[in-house]
């Protein structure tokens, strides 16, 4: 793989870990319960993934509408 591909994968992976770690640390600073903090971290990570999937789906829908409008004459 090219260097830029590995860098992109690293940035995406780092963002996922930062979201999870930030949620866990924030919850631990308030409640100090590891189980609850882990649950909050997993929920934040799942929410991030769902949001990403929705954004990519909307982007493809926008592209499809553009292409349909381009050939609709």
C-alpha atoms as a PDB file:
ATOM      1  CA  UNK A   1       0.000   0.000   0.000  1.00  0.00           C
ATOM      2  CA  UNK A   2       1.056   3.543  -0.579  1.00  0.00           C
ATOM      3  CA  UNK A   3       2.135   5.767   2.246  1.00  0.00           C
ATOM      4  CA  UNK A   4      -0.860   8.079   1.899  1.00  0.00           C
ATOM      5  CA  UNK A   5      -3.260   5.129   2.209  1.00  0.00           C
ATOM      6  CA  UNK A   6      -1.675   4.018   5.461  1.00  0.00           C
ATOM      7  CA  UNK A   7      -1.768   7.583   6.762  1.00  0.00           C
ATOM      8  CA  UNK A   8      -5.480   7.850   5.938  1.00  0.00           C
ATOM      9  CA  UNK A   9      -6.192   4.559   7.708  1.00  0.00           C
ATOM     10  CA  UNK A  10      -4.204   5.808  10.705  1.00  0.00           C
ATOM     11  CA  UNK A  11      -6.138   9.063  10.879  1.00  0.00           C
ATOM     12  CA  UNK A  12      -9.491   7.278  10.704  1.00  0.00           C
ATOM     13  CA  UNK A  13      -8.390   4.730  13.309  1.00  0.00           C
ATOM     14  CA  UNK A  14      -7.073   7.462  15.578  1.00  0.00           C
ATOM     15  CA  UNK A  15     -10.372   9.343  15.332  1.00  0.00           C
ATOM     16  CA  UNK A  16     -12.333   6.241  16.337  1.00  0.00           C
ATOM     17  CA  UNK A  17     -10.048   5.674  19.310  1.00  0.00           C
ATOM     18  CA  UNK A  18     -10.214   9.334  20.355  1.00  0.00           C
ATOM     19  CA  UNK A  19     -14.026   9.305  20.281  1.00  0.00           C
ATOM     20  CA  UNK A  20     -14.135   6.140  22.371  1.00  0.00           C
ATOM     21  CA  UNK A  21     -11.433   7.259  24.810  1.00  0.00           C
ATOM     22  CA  UNK A  22     -12.940  10.728  25.190  1.00  0.00           C
ATOM     23  CA  UNK A  23     -16.351   9.308  26.035  1.00  0.00           C
ATOM     24  CA  UNK A  24     -14.871   6.815  28.507  1.00  0.00           C
ATOM     25  CA  UNK A  25     -12.677   9.414  30.213  1.00  0.00           C
ATOM     26  CA  UNK A  26     -15.527  11.916  30.391  1.00  0.00           C
ATOM     27  CA  UNK A  27     -17.823   9.357  31.971  1.00  0.00           C
ATOM     28  CA  UNK A  28     -15.129   8.174  34.389  1.00  0.00           C
ATOM     29  CA  UNK A  29     -14.486  11.740  35.514  1.00  0.00           C
ATOM     30  CA  UNK A  30     -18.117  12.059  36.578  1.00  0.00           C
ATOM     31  CA  UNK A  31     -19.247   8.614  37.785  1.00  0.00           C
ATOM     32  CA  UNK A  32     -16.068   6.522  38.241  1.00  0.00           C
ATOM     33  CA  UNK A  33     -17.773   3.289  37.162  1.00  0.00           C
ATOM     34  CA  UNK A  34     -15.815   1.308  34.564  1.00  0.00           C
ATOM     35  CA  UNK A  35     -18.785  -0.692  33.269  1.00  0.00           C
ATOM     36  CA  UNK A  36     -20.898   2.373  32.700  1.00  0.00           C
ATOM     37  CA  UNK A  37     -17.975   4.240  31.126  1.00  0.00           C
ATOM     38  CA  UNK A  38     -17.261   1.371  28.737  1.00  0.00           C
ATOM     39  CA  UNK A  39     -20.927   1.260  27.728  1.00  0.00           C
ATOM     40  CA  UNK A  40     -20.920   4.983  27.031  1.00  0.00           C
ATOM     41  CA  UNK A  41     -17.730   4.632  24.987  1.00  0.00           C
ATOM     42  CA  UNK A  42     -19.169   1.803  22.894  1.00  0.00           C
ATOM     43  CA  UNK A  43     -22.394   3.760  22.356  1.00  0.00           C
ATOM     44  CA  UNK A  44     -20.417   6.810  21.227  1.00  0.00           C
ATOM     45  CA  UNK A  45     -18.411   4.654  18.811  1.00  0.00           C
ATOM     46  CA  UNK A  46     -21.556   3.033  17.377  1.00  0.00           C
ATOM     47  CA  UNK A  47     -23.158   6.458  16.998  1.00  0.00           C
ATOM     48  CA  UNK A  48     -20.095   7.696  15.129  1.00  0.00           C
ATOM     49  CA  UNK A  49     -20.239   4.719  12.757  1.00  0.00           C
ATOM     50  CA  UNK A  50     -23.971   5.110  12.119  1.00  0.00           C
ATOM     51  CA  UNK A  51     -23.486   8.813  11.409  1.00  0.00           C
ATOM     52  CA  UNK A  52     -20.675   8.034   8.988  1.00  0.00           C
ATOM     53  CA  UNK A  53     -22.772   5.464   7.117  1.00  0.00           C
ATOM     54  CA  UNK A  54     -25.679   7.919   6.827  1.00  0.00           C
ATOM     55  CA  UNK A  55     -23.383  10.675   5.522  1.00  0.00           C
ATOM     56  CA  UNK A  56     -21.855   8.379   2.892  1.00  0.00           C
ATOM     57  CA  UNK A  57     -25.340   7.216   1.846  1.00  0.00           C
ATOM     58  CA  UNK A  58     -26.508  10.813   1.461  1.00  0.00           C
ATOM     59  CA  UNK A  59     -23.430  11.653  -0.577  1.00  0.00           C
ATOM     60  CA  UNK A  60     -24.193   8.801  -2.989  1.00  0.00           C
ATOM     61  CA  UNK A  61     -27.833   9.919  -3.192  1.00  0.00           C
ATOM     62  CA  UNK A  62     -26.736  13.442  -4.085  1.00  0.00           C
ATOM     63  CA  UNK A  63     -24.405  12.089  -6.779  1.00  0.00           C
ATOM     64  CA  UNK A  64     -27.196   9.879  -8.171  1.00  0.00           C
ATOM     65  CA  UNK A  65     -29.617  12.831  -8.321  1.00  0.00           C
ATOM     66  CA  UNK A  66     -26.980  14.920 -10.072  1.00  0.00           C
ATOM     67  CA  UNK A  67     -26.323  12.223 -12.670  1.00  0.00           C
ATOM     68  CA  UNK A  68     -30.072  11.667 -13.212  1.00  0.00           C
ATOM     69  CA  UNK A  69     -30.602  15.409 -13.692  1.00  0.00           C
ATOM     70  CA  UNK A  70     -27.662  15.556 -16.080  1.00  0.00           C
ATOM     71  CA  UNK A  71     -29.186  12.962 -18.426  1.00  0.00           C
ATOM     72  CA  UNK A  72     -32.860  13.905 -17.895  1.00  0.00           C
ATOM     73  CA  UNK A  73     -33.612  15.886 -21.037  1.00  0.00           C
END
